[in-house]
Amino acid sequence: MKIWKITSSEKNIVLTIGEWIDFLDNIRGQSLIKEWIPFEVFIEGSKKKYKDFPSFLPSAPVIGIEAKKKIEIFLEGEVEFLPLIHENHSFFLLNIINVIDCVDQDKSIADFSKKGKKTNYKKIYFNKELITTNNKIFKIPEFPSKYCFVSDEFKEFIEKSGLYGPDFDLVWDSEIDQETELHQQQNYNEYINSVNNSFDLSMSWEQAMNCVNQNEAVVSDRWKLKLDQDLNILLGQLNMDLQYDFVSPKYIPPILLDLKWKKA
């Protein structure tokens, strides 16, 4: 079993409102359908293309009418579809009312404020037996306005349905225990230290890019740069399996410009 955190893709259209509505602070996992008053939303900019899951609030995804038609039966009893007003499109705020007290507090690693209040989870573990097949999308009582979690079943349903827009970040895998993750983290840290302490980590950004343009890969810290077969730059970030996840960057993160590099 895997649990994912659902976020909004950078390719989604972005919805805005004229002014903040205090009612939106109440999206904490409770039913709102009886008191809901639809309000107007606006599309910010026009370059984005995905409309199935527009970007709006982290506490409540927004979906378009086609997405609603496909998932409303699938998520019956777990969410409420609260209508929004737009002059050209039908959007619905996805109010998740399925709240499960399923975090394994003994294993999870939390952040705390100076006053001792829990503010976040650095690493979260779930009690597998508390998450049933009926829990396809849910919140946790500790942070009902912060996280939206989904199951493998939800992720697979979206991917097979032809809907676009949500990104899925893996937060927990029941087959990887705490000891294994600690071992992975140790190997990860040791690998990065071996790169950063290498005697030949001496190239500036300009020198590194000269190597890349000559079709040589370079590395620094957790990053790797290389060209693909069409001679486009690929930026890789090291994962816990000590493999690089590559993307074609829209821009170069400024943090890379001050690093020292070496040939891979």
C-alpha atoms as a PDB file:
ATOM      1  CA  MET A   1       0.000   0.000   0.000  1.00  0.00           C
ATOM      2  CA  LYS A   2       1.198   3.484  -0.881  1.00  0.00           C
ATOM      3  CA  ILE A   3      -0.166   6.834   0.250  1.00  0.00           C
ATOM      4  CA  TRP A   4       0.327   9.930  -1.860  1.00  0.00           C
ATOM      5  CA  LYS A   5      -0.070  13.643  -1.238  1.00  0.00           C
ATOM      6  CA  ILE A   6      -2.046  15.323  -3.993  1.00  0.00           C
ATOM      7  CA  THR A   7      -0.823  18.697  -5.245  1.00  0.00           C
ATOM      8  CA  SER A   8      -1.563  20.869  -8.260  1.00  0.00           C
ATOM      9  CA  SER A   9       0.515  20.610 -11.430  1.00  0.00           C
ATOM     10  CA  GLU A  10       2.390  23.669 -12.674  1.00  0.00           C
ATOM     11  CA  LYS A  11       0.515  23.202 -15.969  1.00  0.00           C
ATOM     12  CA  ASN A  12      -2.871  23.818 -14.354  1.00  0.00           C
ATOM     13  CA  ILE A  13      -4.788  27.010 -14.777  1.00  0.00           C
ATOM     14  CA  VAL A  14      -4.810  29.090 -11.589  1.00  0.00           C
ATOM     15  CA  LEU A  15      -8.027  30.309  -9.998  1.00  0.00           C
ATOM     16  CA  THR A  16      -8.238  33.484  -7.930  1.00  0.00           C
ATOM     17  CA  ILE A  17     -10.963  35.367  -6.077  1.00  0.00           C
ATOM     18  CA  GLY A  18     -11.627  39.077  -5.722  1.00  0.00           C
ATOM     19  CA  GLU A  19     -11.043  39.126  -1.965  1.00  0.00           C
ATOM     20  CA  TRP A  20     -10.518  36.505   0.716  1.00  0.00           C
ATOM     21  CA  ILE A  21     -13.652  34.814   2.013  1.00  0.00           C
ATOM     22  CA  ASP A  22     -13.471  33.923   5.703  1.00  0.00           C
ATOM     23  CA  PHE A  23     -15.631  30.894   5.040  1.00  0.00           C
ATOM     24  CA  LEU A  24     -12.679  29.263   3.282  1.00  0.00           C
ATOM     25  CA  ASP A  25     -10.845  29.060   6.612  1.00  0.00           C
ATOM     26  CA  ASN A  26     -13.454  26.505   7.686  1.00  0.00           C
ATOM     27  CA  ILE A  27     -12.381  23.838   5.198  1.00  0.00           C
ATOM     28  CA  ARG A  28     -11.163  21.389   7.820  1.00  0.00           C
ATOM     29  CA  GLY A  29     -12.865  18.130   6.935  1.00  0.00           C
ATOM     30  CA  GLN A  30     -16.397  18.925   8.119  1.00  0.00           C
ATOM     31  CA  SER A  31     -19.509  19.000   5.930  1.00  0.00           C
ATOM     32  CA  LEU A  32     -20.183  22.413   4.394  1.00  0.00           C
ATOM     33  CA  ILE A  33     -22.812  21.637   1.792  1.00  0.00           C
ATOM     34  CA  LYS A  34     -25.820  22.966   3.787  1.00  0.00           C
ATOM     35  CA  GLU A  35     -24.227  26.353   4.419  1.00  0.00           C
ATOM     36  CA  TRP A  36     -22.291  26.700   1.172  1.00  0.00           C
ATOM     37  CA  ILE A  37     -22.755  29.930  -0.779  1.00  0.00           C
ATOM     38  CA  PRO A  38     -21.118  29.786  -4.246  1.00  0.00           C
ATOM     39  CA  PHE A  39     -18.700  32.611  -5.006  1.00  0.00           C
ATOM     40  CA  GLU A  40     -17.049  33.840  -8.177  1.00  0.00           C
ATOM     41  CA  VAL A  41     -13.587  32.717  -9.259  1.00  0.00           C
ATOM     42  CA  PHE A  42     -11.368  34.030 -12.028  1.00  0.00           C
ATOM     43  CA  ILE A  43      -8.717  32.406 -14.211  1.00  0.00           C
ATOM     44  CA  GLU A  44      -5.334  34.043 -13.747  1.00  0.00           C
ATOM     45  CA  GLY A  45      -3.434  34.338 -17.018  1.00  0.00           C
ATOM     46  CA  SER A  46      -4.108  32.247 -20.097  1.00  0.00           C
ATOM     47  CA  LYS A  47      -0.954  30.237 -20.827  1.00  0.00           C
ATOM     48  CA  LYS A  48      -1.811  27.259 -18.620  1.00  0.00           C
ATOM     49  CA  LYS A  49      -3.744  24.464 -20.292  1.00  0.00           C
ATOM     50  CA  TYR A  50      -5.017  21.930 -17.719  1.00  0.00           C
ATOM     51  CA  LYS A  51      -8.563  22.632 -16.528  1.00  0.00           C
ATOM     52  CA  ASP A  52      -9.510  19.334 -14.823  1.00  0.00           C
ATOM     53  CA  PHE A  53      -7.807  20.225 -11.512  1.00  0.00           C
ATOM     54  CA  PRO A  54      -7.209  24.005 -11.368  1.00  0.00           C
ATOM     55  CA  SER A  55      -4.820  25.345  -8.757  1.00  0.00           C
ATOM     56  CA  PHE A  56      -6.644  27.075  -5.903  1.00  0.00           C
ATOM     57  CA  LEU A  57      -6.354  25.910  -2.278  1.00  0.00           C
ATOM     58  CA  PRO A  58      -4.019  23.271  -0.767  1.00  0.00           C
ATOM     59  CA  SER A  59      -6.794  22.237   1.633  1.00  0.00           C
ATOM     60  CA  ALA A  60      -9.370  21.541  -1.081  1.00  0.00           C
ATOM     61  CA  PRO A  61      -8.713  20.645  -4.733  1.00  0.00           C
ATOM     62  CA  VAL A  62     -10.886  22.239  -7.391  1.00  0.00           C
ATOM     63  CA  ILE A  63     -12.139  20.203 -10.347  1.00  0.00           C
ATOM     64  CA  GLY A  64     -13.869  20.966 -13.625  1.00  0.00           C
ATOM     65  CA  ILE A  65     -17.220  19.594 -14.758  1.00  0.00           C
ATOM     66  CA  GLU A  66     -15.740  16.750 -16.826  1.00  0.00           C
ATOM     67  CA  ALA A  67     -13.655  15.598 -13.866  1.00  0.00           C
ATOM     68  CA  LYS A  68     -16.725  15.742 -11.617  1.00  0.00           C
ATOM     69  CA  LYS A  69     -18.692  13.505 -13.994  1.00  0.00           C
ATOM     70  CA  LYS A  70     -15.944  10.892 -13.860  1.00  0.00           C
ATOM     71  CA  ILE A  71     -15.127  10.842 -10.152  1.00  0.00           C
ATOM     72  CA  GLU A  72     -18.317  11.721  -8.253  1.00  0.00           C
ATOM     73  CA  ILE A  73     -19.501   8.111  -7.970  1.00  0.00           C
ATOM     74  CA  PHE A  74     -15.956   6.879  -7.338  1.00  0.00           C
ATOM     75  CA  LEU A  75     -15.579   9.245  -4.350  1.00  0.00           C
ATOM     76  CA  GLU A  76     -19.138   8.978  -3.052  1.00  0.00           C
ATOM     77  CA  GLY A  77     -19.320   9.544   0.706  1.00  0.00           C
ATOM     78  CA  GLU A  78     -15.755  10.871   0.931  1.00  0.00           C
ATOM     79  CA  VAL A  79     -16.159  14.341  -0.576  1.00  0.00           C
ATOM     80  CA  GLU A  80     -18.691  17.093  -1.228  1.00  0.00           C
ATOM     81  CA  PHE A  81     -18.783  18.901  -4.580  1.00  0.00           C
ATOM     82  CA  LEU A  82     -19.282  22.587  -3.772  1.00  0.00           C
ATOM     83  CA  PRO A  83     -20.092  24.709  -6.856  1.00  0.00           C
ATOM     84  CA  LEU A  84     -18.104  27.807  -7.782  1.00  0.00           C
ATOM     85  CA  ILE A  85     -19.118  30.590 -10.169  1.00  0.00           C
ATOM     86  CA  HIS A  86     -17.226  31.352 -13.378  1.00  0.00           C
ATOM     87  CA  GLU A  87     -18.537  33.036 -16.489  1.00  0.00           C
ATOM     88  CA  ASN A  88     -17.306  30.350 -18.907  1.00  0.00           C
ATOM     89  CA  HIS A  89     -16.629  27.165 -16.917  1.00  0.00           C
ATOM     90  CA  SER A  90     -18.220  24.998 -14.239  1.00  0.00           C
ATOM     91  CA  PHE A  91     -15.850  24.437 -11.315  1.00  0.00           C
ATOM     92  CA  PHE A  92     -16.389  22.604  -8.037  1.00  0.00           C
ATOM     93  CA  LEU A  93     -14.453  22.780  -4.807  1.00  0.00           C
ATOM     94  CA  LEU A  94     -13.699  19.264  -3.594  1.00  0.00           C
ATOM     95  CA  ASN A  95     -14.470  19.339   0.131  1.00  0.00           C
ATOM     96  CA  ILE A  96     -12.916  16.213   1.636  1.00  0.00           C
ATOM     97  CA  ILE A  97     -15.033  15.047   4.573  1.00  0.00           C
ATOM     98  CA  ASN A  98     -13.254  11.729   5.061  1.00  0.00           C
ATOM     99  CA  VAL A  99     -10.971  12.394   8.054  1.00  0.00           C
ATOM    100  CA  ILE A 100      -9.038   9.413   9.436  1.00  0.00           C
ATOM    101  CA  ASP A 101      -7.006   9.283  12.629  1.00  0.00           C
ATOM    102  CA  CYS A 102      -4.485   6.919  11.069  1.00  0.00           C
ATOM    103  CA  VAL A 103      -1.027   8.416  11.665  1.00  0.00           C
ATOM    104  CA  ASP A 104       1.429   6.171  13.507  1.00  0.00           C
ATOM    105  CA  GLN A 105       2.585   8.682  16.107  1.00  0.00           C
ATOM    106  CA  ASP A 106       5.324   6.409  17.465  1.00  0.00           C
ATOM    107  CA  LYS A 107       7.159   6.269  14.125  1.00  0.00           C
ATOM    108  CA  SER A 108       6.275   9.609  12.532  1.00  0.00           C
ATOM    109  CA  ILE A 109       8.711  12.505  12.924  1.00  0.00           C
ATOM    110  CA  ALA A 110       7.054  15.854  13.615  1.00  0.00           C
ATOM    111  CA  ASP A 111       8.132  19.495  13.688  1.00  0.00           C
ATOM    112  CA  PHE A 112       7.141  21.595  16.698  1.00  0.00           C
ATOM    113  CA  SER A 113       6.896  25.325  17.341  1.00  0.00           C
ATOM    114  CA  LYS A 114       8.766  27.005  20.203  1.00  0.00           C
ATOM    115  CA  LYS A 115       5.581  26.665  22.230  1.00  0.00           C
ATOM    116  CA  GLY A 116       5.512  22.910  21.687  1.00  0.00           C
ATOM    117  CA  LYS A 117       2.707  22.854  19.117  1.00  0.00           C
ATOM    118  CA  LYS A 118       2.993  20.320  16.321  1.00  0.00           C
ATOM    119  CA  THR A 119       3.368  22.231  13.061  1.00  0.00           C
ATOM    120  CA  ASN A 120       4.243  19.634  10.443  1.00  0.00           C
ATOM    121  CA  TYR A 121       5.514  16.140   9.755  1.00  0.00           C
ATOM    122  CA  LYS A 122       9.091  15.721   8.544  1.00  0.00           C
ATOM    123  CA  LYS A 123       8.278  12.070   7.915  1.00  0.00           C
ATOM    124  CA  ILE A 124       4.880  10.471   8.249  1.00  0.00           C
ATOM    125  CA  TYR A 125       3.973   6.830   8.866  1.00  0.00           C
ATOM    126  CA  PHE A 126       0.437   5.426   8.762  1.00  0.00           C
ATOM    127  CA  ASN A 127      -1.290   2.550  10.522  1.00  0.00           C
ATOM    128  CA  LYS A 128      -2.073   0.326   7.557  1.00  0.00           C
ATOM    129  CA  GLU A 129      -4.970  -1.436   9.274  1.00  0.00           C
ATOM    130  CA  LEU A 130      -6.835   1.878   9.676  1.00  0.00           C
ATOM    131  CA  ILE A 131      -6.815   2.666   5.953  1.00  0.00           C
ATOM    132  CA  THR A 132      -9.405   0.548   4.153  1.00  0.00           C
ATOM    133  CA  THR A 133     -10.279   0.292   0.473  1.00  0.00           C
ATOM    134  CA  ASN A 134     -13.047   2.845   1.123  1.00  0.00           C
ATOM    135  CA  ASN A 135     -10.461   5.494   1.976  1.00  0.00           C
ATOM    136  CA  LYS A 136      -9.495   6.666  -1.485  1.00  0.00           C
ATOM    137  CA  ILE A 137      -9.037  10.298  -0.457  1.00  0.00           C
ATOM    138  CA  PHE A 138      -8.735  11.573   3.103  1.00  0.00           C
ATOM    139  CA  LYS A 139      -7.390  14.088   5.582  1.00  0.00           C
ATOM    140  CA  ILE A 140      -5.840  13.617   9.010  1.00  0.00           C
ATOM    141  CA  PRO A 141      -7.205  15.352  12.125  1.00  0.00           C
ATOM    142  CA  GLU A 142      -3.825  16.889  13.029  1.00  0.00           C
ATOM    143  CA  PHE A 143      -3.697  19.090   9.907  1.00  0.00           C
ATOM    144  CA  PRO A 144      -7.114  19.074   8.180  1.00  0.00           C
ATOM    145  CA  SER A 145      -6.395  22.346   6.376  1.00  0.00           C
ATOM    146  CA  LYS A 146      -2.931  21.371   5.136  1.00  0.00           C
ATOM    147  CA  TYR A 147      -2.798  17.896   3.596  1.00  0.00           C
ATOM    148  CA  CYS A 148      -4.906  15.933   1.108  1.00  0.00           C
ATOM    149  CA  PHE A 149      -3.887  12.272   0.953  1.00  0.00           C
ATOM    150  CA  VAL A 150      -4.939   9.697  -1.640  1.00  0.00           C
ATOM    151  CA  SER A 151      -4.521   5.961  -2.119  1.00  0.00           C
ATOM    152  CA  ASP A 152      -3.044   3.948  -4.964  1.00  0.00           C
ATOM    153  CA  GLU A 153      -6.600   3.305  -6.116  1.00  0.00           C
ATOM    154  CA  PHE A 154      -7.300   7.037  -6.517  1.00  0.00           C
ATOM    155  CA  LYS A 155      -4.012   7.653  -8.320  1.00  0.00           C
ATOM    156  CA  GLU A 156      -4.616   4.775 -10.748  1.00  0.00           C
ATOM    157  CA  PHE A 157      -8.196   5.917 -11.359  1.00  0.00           C
ATOM    158  CA  ILE A 158      -7.066   9.429 -12.317  1.00  0.00           C
ATOM    159  CA  GLU A 159      -4.281   8.146 -14.552  1.00  0.00           C
ATOM    160  CA  LYS A 160      -6.633   5.806 -16.413  1.00  0.00           C
ATOM    161  CA  SER A 161      -9.512   8.278 -16.702  1.00  0.00           C
ATOM    162  CA  GLY A 162      -7.788  10.749 -19.020  1.00  0.00           C
ATOM    163  CA  LEU A 163      -7.882  13.546 -16.446  1.00  0.00           C
ATOM    164  CA  TYR A 164      -4.912  15.896 -16.098  1.00  0.00           C
ATOM    165  CA  GLY A 165      -3.701  18.231 -13.408  1.00  0.00           C
ATOM    166  CA  PRO A 166      -2.967  16.567 -10.088  1.00  0.00           C
ATOM    167  CA  ASP A 167       0.596  15.713  -9.126  1.00  0.00           C
ATOM    168  CA  PHE A 168       1.200  12.845  -6.730  1.00  0.00           C
ATOM    169  CA  ASP A 169       4.023  12.926  -4.181  1.00  0.00           C
ATOM    170  CA  LEU A 170       4.715   9.609  -2.465  1.00  0.00           C
ATOM    171  CA  VAL A 171       4.686  10.084   1.312  1.00  0.00           C
ATOM    172  CA  TRP A 172       4.476   6.500   2.608  1.00  0.00           C
ATOM    173  CA  ASP A 173       4.997   2.961   1.378  1.00  0.00           C
ATOM    174  CA  SER A 174       3.840   0.185   3.700  1.00  0.00           C
ATOM    175  CA  GLU A 175       6.446  -2.184   2.271  1.00  0.00           C
ATOM    176  CA  ILE A 176       9.330   0.061   3.339  1.00  0.00           C
ATOM    177  CA  ASP A 177       9.768   0.006   7.114  1.00  0.00           C
ATOM    178  CA  GLN A 178      11.430   2.641   9.249  1.00  0.00           C
ATOM    179  CA  GLU A 179      14.727   0.785   9.480  1.00  0.00           C
ATOM    180  CA  THR A 180      14.942   0.482   5.691  1.00  0.00           C
ATOM    181  CA  GLU A 181      14.219   4.176   5.230  1.00  0.00           C
ATOM    182  CA  LEU A 182      16.877   5.133   7.757  1.00  0.00           C
ATOM    183  CA  HIS A 183      19.347   2.931   5.899  1.00  0.00           C
ATOM    184  CA  GLN A 184      18.367   4.572   2.594  1.00  0.00           C
ATOM    185  CA  GLN A 185      18.813   8.023   4.126  1.00  0.00           C
ATOM    186  CA  GLN A 186      22.243   7.066   5.426  1.00  0.00           C
ATOM    187  CA  ASN A 187      23.351   5.792   2.012  1.00  0.00           C
ATOM    188  CA  TYR A 188      21.935   8.939   0.406  1.00  0.00           C
ATOM    189  CA  ASN A 189      23.844  11.218   2.763  1.00  0.00           C
ATOM    190  CA  GLU A 190      27.061   9.238   2.334  1.00  0.00           C
ATOM    191  CA  TYR A 191      26.777   9.457  -1.461  1.00  0.00           C
ATOM    192  CA  ILE A 192      26.257  13.216  -1.421  1.00  0.00           C
ATOM    193  CA  ASN A 193      29.149  13.653   1.031  1.00  0.00           C
ATOM    194  CA  SER A 194      31.391  11.624  -1.264  1.00  0.00           C
ATOM    195  CA  VAL A 195      30.517  13.983  -4.129  1.00  0.00           C
ATOM    196  CA  ASN A 196      30.929  17.155  -2.087  1.00  0.00           C
ATOM    197  CA  ASN A 197      34.252  16.052  -0.586  1.00  0.00           C
ATOM    198  CA  SER A 198      35.723  14.998  -3.906  1.00  0.00           C
ATOM    199  CA  PHE A 199      39.065  16.676  -4.663  1.00  0.00           C
ATOM    200  CA  ASP A 200      38.095  17.329  -8.299  1.00  0.00           C
ATOM    201  CA  LEU A 201      34.892  19.196  -7.428  1.00  0.00           C
ATOM    202  CA  SER A 202      36.351  22.447  -8.703  1.00  0.00           C
ATOM    203  CA  MET A 203      34.556  23.621 -11.831  1.00  0.00           C
ATOM    204  CA  SER A 204      32.551  26.835 -11.817  1.00  0.00           C
ATOM    205  CA  TRP A 205      29.065  26.990 -13.332  1.00  0.00           C
ATOM    206  CA  GLU A 206      30.458  28.361 -16.594  1.00  0.00           C
ATOM    207  CA  GLN A 207      33.058  25.565 -16.815  1.00  0.00           C
ATOM    208  CA  ALA A 208      30.429  22.964 -15.986  1.00  0.00           C
ATOM    209  CA  MET A 209      28.152  24.225 -18.741  1.00  0.00           C
ATOM    210  CA  ASN A 210      31.036  24.068 -21.224  1.00  0.00           C
ATOM    211  CA  CYS A 211      31.412  20.377 -20.361  1.00  0.00           C
ATOM    212  CA  VAL A 212      27.680  19.775 -20.697  1.00  0.00           C
ATOM    213  CA  ASN A 213      27.638  21.465 -24.108  1.00  0.00           C
ATOM    214  CA  GLN A 214      30.405  19.055 -25.140  1.00  0.00           C
ATOM    215  CA  ASN A 215      28.034  16.213 -24.149  1.00  0.00           C
ATOM    216  CA  GLU A 216      29.743  15.421 -20.839  1.00  0.00           C
ATOM    217  CA  ALA A 217      27.680  15.013 -17.675  1.00  0.00           C
ATOM    218  CA  VAL A 218      28.570  16.937 -14.511  1.00  0.00           C
ATOM    219  CA  VAL A 219      27.531  16.511 -10.875  1.00  0.00           C
ATOM    220  CA  SER A 220      27.430  18.573  -7.694  1.00  0.00           C
ATOM    221  CA  ASP A 221      25.755  17.833  -4.372  1.00  0.00           C
ATOM    222  CA  ARG A 222      22.448  16.079  -5.295  1.00  0.00           C
ATOM    223  CA  TRP A 223      22.351  17.478  -8.839  1.00  0.00           C
ATOM    224  CA  LYS A 224      23.407  16.173 -12.229  1.00  0.00           C
ATOM    225  CA  LEU A 225      23.387  17.918 -15.616  1.00  0.00           C
ATOM    226  CA  LYS A 226      23.597  16.319 -19.032  1.00  0.00           C
ATOM    227  CA  LEU A 227      22.223  16.542 -22.573  1.00  0.00           C
ATOM    228  CA  ASP A 228      19.485  14.324 -23.968  1.00  0.00           C
ATOM    229  CA  GLN A 229      19.607  12.793 -27.448  1.00  0.00           C
ATOM    230  CA  ASP A 230      18.254  16.035 -28.934  1.00  0.00           C
ATOM    231  CA  LEU A 231      20.987  18.037 -27.174  1.00  0.00           C
ATOM    232  CA  ASN A 232      18.572  19.614 -24.694  1.00  0.00           C
ATOM    233  CA  ILE A 233      19.765  20.150 -21.121  1.00  0.00           C
ATOM    234  CA  LEU A 234      18.441  17.717 -18.529  1.00  0.00           C
ATOM    235  CA  LEU A 235      18.575  18.438 -14.796  1.00  0.00           C
ATOM    236  CA  GLY A 236      18.648  15.405 -12.499  1.00  0.00           C
ATOM    237  CA  GLN A 237      17.985  15.269  -8.764  1.00  0.00           C
ATOM    238  CA  LEU A 238      19.237  12.313  -6.734  1.00  0.00           C
ATOM    239  CA  ASN A 239      16.520  10.111  -5.191  1.00  0.00           C
ATOM    240  CA  MET A 240      16.708   7.705  -2.269  1.00  0.00           C
ATOM    241  CA  ASP A 241      17.519   4.808  -4.607  1.00  0.00           C
ATOM    242  CA  LEU A 242      20.666   6.725  -5.619  1.00  0.00           C
ATOM    243  CA  GLN A 243      19.278   7.244  -9.106  1.00  0.00           C
ATOM    244  CA  TYR A 244      18.685  10.616 -10.751  1.00  0.00           C
ATOM    245  CA  ASP A 245      15.209  11.810 -11.684  1.00  0.00           C
ATOM    246  CA  PHE A 246      15.655  13.977 -14.779  1.00  0.00           C
ATOM    247  CA  VAL A 247      13.497  16.826 -16.046  1.00  0.00           C
ATOM    248  CA  SER A 248      13.897  19.346 -18.844  1.00  0.00           C
ATOM    249  CA  PRO A 249      14.064  22.564 -16.782  1.00  0.00           C
ATOM    250  CA  LYS A 250      12.153  25.671 -17.792  1.00  0.00           C
ATOM    251  CA  TYR A 251      14.808  27.719 -15.982  1.00  0.00           C
ATOM    252  CA  ILE A 252      18.011  27.066 -14.055  1.00  0.00           C
ATOM    253  CA  PRO A 253      17.522  27.252 -10.256  1.00  0.00           C
ATOM    254  CA  PRO A 254      19.806  30.008  -8.898  1.00  0.00           C
ATOM    255  CA  ILE A 255      21.159  27.627  -6.247  1.00  0.00           C
ATOM    256  CA  LEU A 256      23.063  25.761  -8.971  1.00  0.00           C
ATOM    257  CA  LEU A 257      25.037  28.816 -10.066  1.00  0.00           C
ATOM    258  CA  ASP A 258      27.132  28.981  -6.885  1.00  0.00           C
ATOM    259  CA  LEU A 259      27.993  25.280  -6.686  1.00  0.00           C
ATOM    260  CA  LYS A 260      31.295  23.670  -7.627  1.00  0.00           C
ATOM    261  CA  TRP A 261      31.037  20.860 -10.195  1.00  0.00           C
ATOM    262  CA  LYS A 262      32.950  17.883 -11.502  1.00  0.00           C
ATOM    263  CA  LYS A 263      32.645  15.510 -14.437  1.00  0.00           C
ATOM    264  CA  ALA A 264      30.383  12.545 -13.707  1.00  0.00           C
END
